[in-house]
Each structure stands twice: as structure tokens, then as C-alpha cells.
PDB file of all heavy atoms in Angstrom:
ATOM      1  N   SER A   1      82.558  97.664 126.907  1.00  0.00           N
ATOM      2  CA  SER A   1      83.959  98.032 127.119  1.00  0.00           C
ATOM      3  C   SER A   1      84.837  97.017 126.399  1.00  0.00           C
ATOM      4  O   SER A   1      84.422  95.885 126.149  1.00  0.00           O
ATOM      5  CB  SER A   1      84.313  98.091 128.609  1.00  0.00           C
ATOM      6  OG  SER A   1      84.295  96.805 129.187  1.00  0.00           O
ATOM      7  N   HIS A   2      86.034  97.448 126.065  1.00  0.00           N
ATOM      8  CA  HIS A   2      86.936  96.531 125.369  1.00  0.00           C
ATOM      9  C   HIS A   2      88.379  97.000 125.528  1.00  0.00           C
ATOM     10  O   HIS A   2      88.642  98.158 125.873  1.00  0.00           O
ATOM     11  CB  HIS A   2      86.596  96.424 123.880  1.00  0.00           C
ATOM     12  CG  HIS A   2      86.817  97.673 123.095  1.00  0.00           C
ATOM     13  ND1 HIS A   2      85.935  98.725 123.094  1.00  0.00           N
ATOM     14  CD2 HIS A   2      87.846  98.042 122.280  1.00  0.00           C
ATOM     15  CE1 HIS A   2      86.387  99.675 122.311  1.00  0.00           C
ATOM     16  NE2 HIS A   2      87.554  99.303 121.820  1.00  0.00           N
ATOM     17  N   ASP A   3      89.301  96.067 125.300  1.00  0.00           N
ATOM     18  CA  ASP A   3      90.735  96.353 125.259  1.00  0.00           C
ATOM     19  C   ASP A   3      91.222  96.111 123.843  1.00  0.00           C
ATOM     20  O   ASP A   3      90.866  95.099 123.222  1.00  0.00           O
ATOM     21  CB  ASP A   3      91.505  95.443 126.214  1.00  0.00           C
ATOM     22  CG  ASP A   3      91.101  95.651 127.663  1.00  0.00           C
ATOM     23  OD1 ASP A   3      90.921  96.806 128.059  1.00  0.00           O
ATOM     24  OD2 ASP A   3      90.939  94.645 128.383  1.00  0.00           O
ATOM     25  N   ASP A   4      92.037  97.021 123.324  1.00  0.00           N
ATOM     26  CA  ASP A   4      92.601  96.880 121.980  1.00  0.00           C
ATOM     27  C   ASP A   4      94.069  96.492 122.073  1.00  0.00           C
ATOM     28  O   ASP A   4      94.836  97.097 122.844  1.00  0.00           O
ATOM     29  CB  ASP A   4      92.498  98.200 121.203  1.00  0.00           C
ATOM     30  CG  ASP A   4      91.066  98.602 120.932  1.00  0.00           C
ATOM     31  OD1 ASP A   4      90.221  97.709 120.758  1.00  0.00           O
ATOM     32  OD2 ASP A   4      90.792  99.821 120.893  1.00  0.00           O
ATOM     33  N   TYR A   5      94.441  95.501 121.286  1.00  0.00           N
ATOM     34  CA  TYR A   5      95.841  95.112 121.128  1.00  0.00           C
ATOM     35  C   TYR A   5      96.179  95.054 119.645  1.00  0.00           C
ATOM     36  O   TYR A   5      95.346  94.613 118.839  1.00  0.00           O
ATOM     37  CB  TYR A   5      96.113  93.731 121.722  1.00  0.00           C
ATOM     38  CG  TYR A   5      96.344  93.695 123.209  1.00  0.00           C
ATOM     39  CD1 TYR A   5      95.270  93.744 124.090  1.00  0.00           C
ATOM     40  CD2 TYR A   5      97.631  93.591 123.749  1.00  0.00           C
ATOM     41  CE1 TYR A   5      95.465  93.705 125.464  1.00  0.00           C
ATOM     42  CE2 TYR A   5      97.837  93.550 125.115  1.00  0.00           C
ATOM     43  CZ  TYR A   5      96.758  93.601 125.964  1.00  0.00           C
ATOM     44  OH  TYR A   5      96.948  93.560 127.329  1.00  0.00           O
ATOM     45  N   ILE A   6      97.380  95.490 119.277  1.00  0.00           N
ATOM     46  CA  ILE A   6      97.913  95.258 117.940  1.00  0.00           C
ATOM     47  C   ILE A   6      99.078  94.296 118.075  1.00  0.00           C
ATOM     48  O   ILE A   6      99.990  94.504 118.889  1.00  0.00           O
ATOM     49  CB  ILE A   6      98.369  96.570 117.268  1.00  0.00           C
ATOM     50  CG1 ILE A   6      97.168  97.485 117.027  1.00  0.00           C
ATOM     51  CG2 ILE A   6      99.073  96.275 115.936  1.00  0.00           C
ATOM     52  CD1 ILE A   6      97.534  98.830 116.446  1.00  0.00           C
ATOM     53  N   TRP A   7      99.028  93.211 117.298  1.00  0.00           N
ATOM     54  CA  TRP A   7     100.037  92.158 117.343  1.00  0.00           C
ATOM     55  C   TRP A   7     100.728  92.025 115.985  1.00  0.00           C
ATOM     56  O   TRP A   7     100.091  92.212 114.946  1.00  0.00           O
ATOM     57  CB  TRP A   7      99.397  90.806 117.673  1.00  0.00           C
ATOM     58  CG  TRP A   7      98.615  90.747 118.939  1.00  0.00           C
ATOM     59  CD1 TRP A   7      97.245  90.805 119.069  1.00  0.00           C
ATOM     60  CD2 TRP A   7      99.127  90.573 120.266  1.00  0.00           C
ATOM     61  NE1 TRP A   7      96.884  90.690 120.390  1.00  0.00           N
ATOM     62  CE2 TRP A   7      98.009  90.540 121.151  1.00  0.00           C
ATOM     63  CE3 TRP A   7     100.411  90.445 120.799  1.00  0.00           C
ATOM     64  CZ2 TRP A   7      98.152  90.380 122.522  1.00  0.00           C
ATOM     65  CZ3 TRP A   7     100.552  90.287 122.168  1.00  0.00           C
ATOM     66  CH2 TRP A   7      99.441  90.256 123.013  1.00  0.00           C
ATOM     67  N   SER A   8     102.020  91.657 116.000  1.00  0.00           N
ATOM     68  CA  SER A   8     102.755  91.307 114.786  1.00  0.00           C
ATOM     69  C   SER A   8     103.043  89.816 114.807  1.00  0.00           C
ATOM     70  O   SER A   8     103.546  89.284 115.818  1.00  0.00           O
ATOM     71  CB  SER A   8     104.080  92.073 114.694  1.00  0.00           C
ATOM     72  OG  SER A   8     103.849  93.447 114.467  1.00  0.00           O
ATOM     73  N   LEU A   9     102.735  89.131 113.727  1.00  0.00           N
ATOM     74  CA  LEU A   9     102.980  87.702 113.634  1.00  0.00           C
ATOM     75  C   LEU A   9     104.473  87.432 113.529  1.00  0.00           C
ATOM     76  O   LEU A   9     105.162  87.994 112.672  1.00  0.00           O
ATOM     77  CB  LEU A   9     102.249  87.125 112.412  1.00  0.00           C
ATOM     78  CG  LEU A   9     102.338  85.622 112.225  1.00  0.00           C
ATOM     79  CD1 LEU A   9     101.643  84.886 113.366  1.00  0.00           C
ATOM     80  CD2 LEU A   9     101.733  85.218 110.881  1.00  0.00           C
ATOM     81  N   VAL A  10     104.974  86.582 114.409  1.00  0.00           N
ATOM     82  CA  VAL A  10     106.389  86.218 114.421  1.00  0.00           C
ATOM     83  C   VAL A  10     106.598  84.859 113.776  1.00  0.00           C
ATOM     84  O   VAL A  10     107.530  84.647 112.995  1.00  0.00           O
ATOM     85  CB  VAL A  10     106.934  86.201 115.867  1.00  0.00           C
ATOM     86  CG1 VAL A  10     108.383  85.725 115.905  1.00  0.00           C
ATOM     87  CG2 VAL A  10     106.809  87.582 116.498  1.00  0.00           C
ATOM     88  N   ALA A  11     105.744  83.886 114.092  1.00  0.00           N
ATOM     89  CA  ALA A  11     105.866  82.526 113.557  1.00  0.00           C
ATOM     90  C   ALA A  11     104.492  81.888 113.526  1.00  0.00           C
ATOM     91  O   ALA A  11     103.636  82.184 114.362  1.00  0.00           O
ATOM     92  CB  ALA A  11     106.821  81.686 114.408  1.00  0.00           C
ATOM     93  N   SER A  12     104.274  80.966 112.561  1.00  0.00           N
ATOM     94  CA  SER A  12     102.987  80.292 112.488  1.00  0.00           C
ATOM     95  C   SER A  12     103.126  78.997 111.708  1.00  0.00           C
ATOM     96  O   SER A  12     104.086  78.780 110.970  1.00  0.00           O
ATOM     97  CB  SER A  12     101.936  81.191 111.812  1.00  0.00           C
ATOM     98  OG  SER A  12     102.252  81.386 110.446  1.00  0.00           O
ATOM     99  N   ASP A  13     102.158  78.140 111.877  1.00  0.00           N
ATOM    100  CA  ASP A  13     102.002  76.913 111.105  1.00  0.00           C
ATOM    101  C   ASP A  13     100.515  76.691 110.969  1.00  0.00           C
ATOM    102  O   ASP A  13      99.810  76.525 111.972  1.00  0.00           O
ATOM    103  CB  ASP A  13     102.656  75.733 111.809  1.00  0.00           C
ATOM    104  CG  ASP A  13     102.695  74.473 110.946  1.00  0.00           C
ATOM    105  OD1 ASP A  13     101.761  74.279 110.150  1.00  0.00           O
ATOM    106  OD2 ASP A  13     103.643  73.684 111.080  1.00  0.00           O
ATOM    107  N   ALA A  14     100.002  76.719 109.736  1.00  0.00           N
ATOM    108  CA  ALA A  14      98.572  76.595 109.508  1.00  0.00           C
ATOM    109  C   ALA A  14      98.125  75.152 109.339  1.00  0.00           C
ATOM    110  O   ALA A  14      96.966  74.900 109.057  1.00  0.00           O
ATOM    111  CB  ALA A  14      98.165  77.399 108.280  1.00  0.00           C
ATOM    112  N   GLY A  15      99.038  74.162 109.506  1.00  0.00           N
ATOM    113  CA  GLY A  15      98.649  72.771 109.392  1.00  0.00           C
ATOM    114  C   GLY A  15      98.644  72.279 107.959  1.00  0.00           C
ATOM    115  O   GLY A  15      99.018  72.985 107.017  1.00  0.00           O
ATOM    116  N   SER A  16      98.197  71.050 107.768  1.00  0.00           N
ATOM    117  CA  SER A  16      98.284  70.410 106.468  1.00  0.00           C
ATOM    118  C   SER A  16      97.233  70.905 105.489  1.00  0.00           C
ATOM    119  O   SER A  16      97.356  70.708 104.291  1.00  0.00           O
ATOM    120  CB  SER A  16      98.148  68.895 106.619  1.00  0.00           C
ATOM    121  OG  SER A  16      96.917  68.581 107.257  1.00  0.00           O
ATOM    122  N   ASP A  17      96.169  71.518 105.995  1.00  0.00           N
ATOM    123  CA  ASP A  17      95.105  72.007 105.121  1.00  0.00           C
ATOM    124  C   ASP A  17      94.692  73.402 105.556  1.00  0.00           C
ATOM    125  O   ASP A  17      93.721  73.570 106.279  1.00  0.00           O
ATOM    126  CB  ASP A  17      93.895  71.053 105.159  1.00  0.00           C
ATOM    127  CG  ASP A  17      92.860  71.401 104.090  1.00  0.00           C
ATOM    128  OD1 ASP A  17      93.031  72.449 103.428  1.00  0.00           O
ATOM    129  OD2 ASP A  17      91.901  70.636 103.920  1.00  0.00           O
ATOM    130  N   PRO A  18      95.442  74.434 105.112  1.00  0.00           N
ATOM    131  CA  PRO A  18      95.148  75.798 105.555  1.00  0.00           C
ATOM    132  C   PRO A  18      93.772  76.295 105.156  1.00  0.00           C
ATOM    133  O   PRO A  18      93.314  77.323 105.665  1.00  0.00           O
ATOM    134  CB  PRO A  18      96.255  76.627 104.882  1.00  0.00           C
ATOM    135  CG  PRO A  18      97.320  75.653 104.531  1.00  0.00           C
ATOM    136  CD  PRO A  18      96.610  74.366 104.252  1.00  0.00           C
ATOM    137  N   SER A  19      93.093  75.608 104.210  1.00  0.00           N
ATOM    138  CA  SER A  19      91.764  76.058 103.804  1.00  0.00           C
ATOM    139  C   SER A  19      90.705  75.712 104.835  1.00  0.00           C
ATOM    140  O   SER A  19      89.589  76.229 104.781  1.00  0.00           O
ATOM    141  CB  SER A  19      91.381  75.435 102.460  1.00  0.00           C
ATOM    142  OG  SER A  19      91.178  74.031 102.578  1.00  0.00           O
ATOM    143  N   VAL A  20      91.033  74.829 105.786  1.00  0.00           N
ATOM    144  CA  VAL A  20      90.073  74.434 106.807  1.00  0.00           C
ATOM    145  C   VAL A  20      90.163  75.386 107.983  1.00  0.00           C
ATOM    146  O   VAL A  20      91.211  75.541 108.593  1.00  0.00           O
ATOM    147  CB  VAL A  20      90.326  72.989 107.279  1.00  0.00           C
ATOM    148  CG1 VAL A  20      89.384  72.631 108.416  1.00  0.00           C
ATOM    149  CG2 VAL A  20      90.159  72.017 106.124  1.00  0.00           C
ATOM    150  N   THR A  21      89.065  76.037 108.294  1.00  0.00           N
ATOM    151  CA  THR A  21      89.034  76.972 109.418  1.00  0.00           C
ATOM    152  C   THR A  21      88.761  76.195 110.699  1.00  0.00           C
ATOM    153  O   THR A  21      87.739  75.531 110.806  1.00  0.00           O
ATOM    154  CB  THR A  21      87.938  78.030 109.232  1.00  0.00           C
ATOM    155  OG1 THR A  21      88.198  78.751 108.030  1.00  0.00           O
ATOM    156  CG2 THR A  21      87.908  78.995 110.410  1.00  0.00           C
ATOM    157  N   PRO A  22      89.655  76.237 111.664  1.00  0.00           N
ATOM    158  CA  PRO A  22      89.414  75.519 112.914  1.00  0.00           C
ATOM    159  C   PRO A  22      88.281  76.144 113.690  1.00  0.00           C
ATOM    160  O   PRO A  22      87.993  77.337 113.541  1.00  0.00           O
ATOM    161  CB  PRO A  22      90.746  75.642 113.646  1.00  0.00           C
ATOM    162  CG  PRO A  22      91.360  76.888 113.110  1.00  0.00           C
ATOM    163  CD  PRO A  22      90.916  76.980 111.681  1.00  0.00           C
ATOM    164  N   ASP A  23      87.666  75.347 114.510  1.00  0.00           N
ATOM    165  CA  ASP A  23      86.531  75.829 115.290  1.00  0.00           C
ATOM    166  C   ASP A  23      86.894  76.137 116.727  1.00  0.00           C
ATOM    167  O   ASP A  23      86.071  76.687 117.450  1.00  0.00           O
ATOM    168  CB  ASP A  23      85.395  74.799 115.260  1.00  0.00           C
ATOM    169  CG  ASP A  23      84.698  74.767 113.903  1.00  0.00           C
ATOM    170  OD1 ASP A  23      84.595  75.843 113.279  1.00  0.00           O
ATOM    171  OD2 ASP A  23      84.278  73.690 113.476  1.00  0.00           O
ATOM    172  N   ALA A  24      88.085  75.774 117.177  1.00  0.00           N
ATOM    173  CA  ALA A  24      88.472  75.981 118.573  1.00  0.00           C
ATOM    174  C   ALA A  24      89.887  76.547 118.641  1.00  0.00           C
ATOM    175  O   ALA A  24      90.766  76.118 117.889  1.00  0.00           O
ATOM    176  CB  ALA A  24      88.394  74.667 119.350  1.00  0.00           C
ATOM    177  N   TRP A  25      90.064  77.491 119.548  1.00  0.00           N
ATOM    178  CA  TRP A  25      91.381  78.086 119.787  1.00  0.00           C
ATOM    179  C   TRP A  25      91.630  78.135 121.288  1.00  0.00           C
ATOM    180  O   TRP A  25      90.700  78.368 122.073  1.00  0.00           O
ATOM    181  CB  TRP A  25      91.444  79.542 119.332  1.00  0.00           C
ATOM    182  CG  TRP A  25      91.393  79.818 117.888  1.00  0.00           C
ATOM    183  CD1 TRP A  25      92.448  80.046 117.045  1.00  0.00           C
ATOM    184  CD2 TRP A  25      90.212  79.959 117.089  1.00  0.00           C
ATOM    185  NE1 TRP A  25      91.983  80.316 115.782  1.00  0.00           N
ATOM    186  CE2 TRP A  25      90.623  80.251 115.785  1.00  0.00           C
ATOM    187  CE3 TRP A  25      88.847  79.832 117.362  1.00  0.00           C
ATOM    188  CZ2 TRP A  25      89.713  80.449 114.737  1.00  0.00           C
ATOM    189  CZ3 TRP A  25      87.941  80.025 116.325  1.00  0.00           C
ATOM    190  CH2 TRP A  25      88.376  80.328 115.044  1.00  0.00           C
ATOM    191  N   VAL A  26      92.866  77.971 121.675  1.00  0.00           N
ATOM    192  CA  VAL A  26      93.278  78.385 123.006  1.00  0.00           C
ATOM    193  C   VAL A  26      94.336  79.468 122.814  1.00  0.00           C
ATOM    194  O   VAL A  26      95.248  79.329 121.985  1.00  0.00           O
ATOM    195  CB  VAL A  26      93.817  77.221 123.862  1.00  0.00           C
ATOM    196  CG1 VAL A  26      95.063  76.599 123.271  1.00  0.00           C
ATOM    197  CG2 VAL A  26      94.068  77.676 125.290  1.00  0.00           C
ATOM    198  N   SER A  27      94.161  80.567 123.521  1.00  0.00           N
ATOM    199  CA  SER A  27      95.099  81.686 123.449  1.00  0.00           C
ATOM    200  C   SER A  27      95.764  81.857 124.804  1.00  0.00           C
ATOM    201  O   SER A  27      95.072  81.899 125.821  1.00  0.00           O
ATOM    202  CB  SER A  27      94.381  82.995 123.077  1.00  0.00           C
ATOM    203  OG  SER A  27      93.809  82.912 121.801  1.00  0.00           O
ATOM    204  N   THR A  28      97.073  81.947 124.791  1.00  0.00           N
ATOM    205  CA  THR A  28      97.836  82.227 126.000  1.00  0.00           C
ATOM    206  C   THR A  28      98.464  83.600 125.863  1.00  0.00           C
ATOM    207  O   THR A  28      99.233  83.857 124.932  1.00  0.00           O
ATOM    208  CB  THR A  28      98.927  81.164 126.222  1.00  0.00           C
ATOM    209  OG1 THR A  28      98.327  79.877 126.339  1.00  0.00           O
ATOM    210  CG2 THR A  28      99.718  81.465 127.495  1.00  0.00           C
ATOM    211  N   TYR A  29      98.082  84.487 126.770  1.00  0.00           N
ATOM    212  CA  TYR A  29      98.553  85.871 126.769  1.00  0.00           C
ATOM    213  C   TYR A  29      99.651  85.989 127.820  1.00  0.00           C
ATOM    214  O   TYR A  29      99.395  85.829 129.016  1.00  0.00           O
ATOM    215  CB  TYR A  29      97.398  86.821 127.062  1.00  0.00           C
ATOM    216  CG  TYR A  29      96.258  86.690 126.077  1.00  0.00           C
ATOM    217  CD1 TYR A  29      95.212  85.796 126.305  1.00  0.00           C
ATOM    218  CD2 TYR A  29      96.244  87.447 124.899  1.00  0.00           C
ATOM    219  CE1 TYR A  29      94.173  85.650 125.388  1.00  0.00           C
ATOM    220  CE2 TYR A  29      95.209  87.311 123.983  1.00  0.00           C
ATOM    221  CZ  TYR A  29      94.181  86.415 124.235  1.00  0.00           C
ATOM    222  OH  TYR A  29      93.151  86.277 123.329  1.00  0.00           O
ATOM    223  N   TRP A  30     100.875  86.269 127.368  1.00  0.00           N
ATOM    224  CA  TRP A  30     102.050  86.221 128.235  1.00  0.00           C
ATOM    225  C   TRP A  30     102.458  87.602 128.725  1.00  0.00           C
ATOM    226  O   TRP A  30     102.500  88.563 127.947  1.00  0.00           O
ATOM    227  CB  TRP A  30     103.233  85.613 127.494  1.00  0.00           C
ATOM    228  CG  TRP A  30     103.078  84.160 127.144  1.00  0.00           C
ATOM    229  CD1 TRP A  30     102.633  83.642 125.967  1.00  0.00           C
ATOM    230  CD2 TRP A  30     103.365  83.045 127.994  1.00  0.00           C
ATOM    231  NE1 TRP A  30     102.633  82.266 126.032  1.00  0.00           N
ATOM    232  CE2 TRP A  30     103.068  81.882 127.253  1.00  0.00           C
ATOM    233  CE3 TRP A  30     103.842  82.925 129.307  1.00  0.00           C
ATOM    234  CZ2 TRP A  30     103.248  80.609 127.781  1.00  0.00           C
ATOM    235  CZ3 TRP A  30     104.011  81.661 129.829  1.00  0.00           C
ATOM    236  CH2 TRP A  30     103.719  80.517 129.069  1.00  0.00           C
ATOM    237  N   VAL A  31     102.803  87.683 129.984  1.00  0.00           N
ATOM    238  CA  VAL A  31     103.437  88.862 130.561  1.00  0.00           C
ATOM    239  C   VAL A  31     104.939  88.600 130.567  1.00  0.00           C
ATOM    240  O   VAL A  31     105.403  87.641 131.206  1.00  0.00           O
ATOM    241  CB  VAL A  31     102.933  89.128 131.988  1.00  0.00           C
ATOM    242  CG1 VAL A  31     103.637  90.352 132.575  1.00  0.00           C
ATOM    243  CG2 VAL A  31     101.421  89.314 131.999  1.00  0.00           C
ATOM    244  N   CYS A  32     105.701  89.408 129.842  1.00  0.00           N
ATOM    245  CA  CYS A  32     107.137  89.146 129.650  1.00  0.00           C
ATOM    246  C   CYS A  32     107.973  90.381 129.983  1.00  0.00           C
ATOM    247  O   CYS A  32     107.486  91.514 129.937  1.00  0.00           O
ATOM    248  CB  CYS A  32     107.435  88.743 128.198  1.00  0.00           C
ATOM    249  SG  CYS A  32     106.423  87.416 127.533  1.00  0.00           S
ATOM    250  N   SER A  33     109.215  90.135 130.263  1.00  0.00           N
ATOM    251  CA  SER A  33     110.171  91.222 130.458  1.00  0.00           C
ATOM    252  C   SER A  33     110.468  91.881 129.120  1.00  0.00           C
ATOM    253  O   SER A  33     110.921  91.211 128.180  1.00  0.00           O
ATOM    254  CB  SER A  33     111.470  90.676 131.057  1.00  0.00           C
ATOM    255  OG  SER A  33     112.518  91.628 130.940  1.00  0.00           O
ATOM    256  N   GLU A  34     110.211  93.190 129.015  1.00  0.00           N
ATOM    257  CA  GLU A  34     110.485  93.882 127.754  1.00  0.00           C
ATOM    258  C   GLU A  34     111.973  93.858 127.424  1.00  0.00           C
ATOM    259  O   GLU A  34     112.354  93.855 126.252  1.00  0.00           O
ATOM    260  CB  GLU A  34     109.972  95.314 127.828  1.00  0.00           C
ATOM    261  CG  GLU A  34     108.464  95.428 127.930  1.00  0.00           C
ATOM    262  CD  GLU A  34     107.968  96.858 127.881  1.00  0.00           C
ATOM    263  OE1 GLU A  34     108.496  97.625 127.044  1.00  0.00           O
ATOM    264  OE2 GLU A  34     107.073  97.217 128.672  1.00  0.00           O
ATOM    265  N   ARG A  35     112.805  93.812 128.425  1.00  0.00           N
ATOM    266  CA  ARG A  35     114.258  93.842 128.202  1.00  0.00           C
ATOM    267  C   ARG A  35     114.757  92.576 127.522  1.00  0.00           C
ATOM    268  O   ARG A  35     115.697  92.622 126.717  1.00  0.00           O
ATOM    269  CB  ARG A  35     114.982  94.044 129.540  1.00  0.00           C
ATOM    270  CG  ARG A  35     116.482  94.231 129.426  1.00  0.00           C
ATOM    271  CD  ARG A  35     117.085  94.534 130.779  1.00  0.00           C
ATOM    272  NE  ARG A  35     116.887  93.462 131.729  1.00  0.00           N
ATOM    273  CZ  ARG A  35     117.678  92.380 131.815  1.00  0.00           C
ATOM    274  NH1 ARG A  35     118.710  92.261 130.998  1.00  0.00           N
ATOM    275  NH2 ARG A  35     117.443  91.457 132.724  1.00  0.00           N
ATOM    276  N   THR A  36     114.142  91.436 127.804  1.00  0.00           N
ATOM    277  CA  THR A  36     114.645  90.157 127.287  1.00  0.00           C
ATOM    278  C   THR A  36     113.598  89.384 126.463  1.00  0.00           C
ATOM    279  O   THR A  36     113.824  88.227 126.133  1.00  0.00           O
ATOM    280  CB  THR A  36     115.107  89.264 128.456  1.00  0.00           C
ATOM    281  OG1 THR A  36     114.059  89.160 129.426  1.00  0.00           O
ATOM    282  CG2 THR A  36     116.349  89.853 129.114  1.00  0.00           C
ATOM    283  N   GLU A  37     112.498  90.039 126.101  1.00  0.00           N
ATOM    284  CA  GLU A  37     111.446  89.299 125.395  1.00  0.00           C
ATOM    285  C   GLU A  37     111.874  88.830 124.008  1.00  0.00           C
ATOM    286  O   GLU A  37     111.330  87.851 123.486  1.00  0.00           O
ATOM    287  CB  GLU A  37     110.176  90.143 125.293  1.00  0.00           C
ATOM    288  CG  GLU A  37     110.338  91.438 124.542  1.00  0.00           C
ATOM    289  CD  GLU A  37     109.095  92.325 124.627  1.00  0.00           C
ATOM    290  OE1 GLU A  37     108.143  91.987 125.334  1.00  0.00           O
ATOM    291  OE2 GLU A  37     109.104  93.370 123.962  1.00  0.00           O
ATOM    292  N   ALA A  38     112.863  89.476 123.382  1.00  0.00           N
ATOM    293  CA  ALA A  38     113.367  88.985 122.095  1.00  0.00           C
ATOM    294  C   ALA A  38     113.950  87.573 122.244  1.00  0.00           C
ATOM    295  O   ALA A  38     113.850  86.756 121.319  1.00  0.00           O
ATOM    296  CB  ALA A  38     114.412  89.937 121.519  1.00  0.00           C
TER     297      ALA A  38
END
């Protein structure tokens, strides 16, 4: 089983060496008010 999400990138910073693929991520999935999420 799985859940599908489609995301649009709003902002990012790839660090000083974007060619280096990081090995660890922390992801925070936010529940927000649709009326004021902008």
C-alpha cells in the first residue's frame, strides 16, 4: 500500500556543493490551514 503526493518546490538551498548527494534527510509533513497557508 502507498500514499501519493504531488509537491511543488517553493524554496530550496542545495548547499555549497550541489553535486554531493546527502545521505540523510529529515522530512516534516505539516498540516496547515488552507485558507492561510500562503
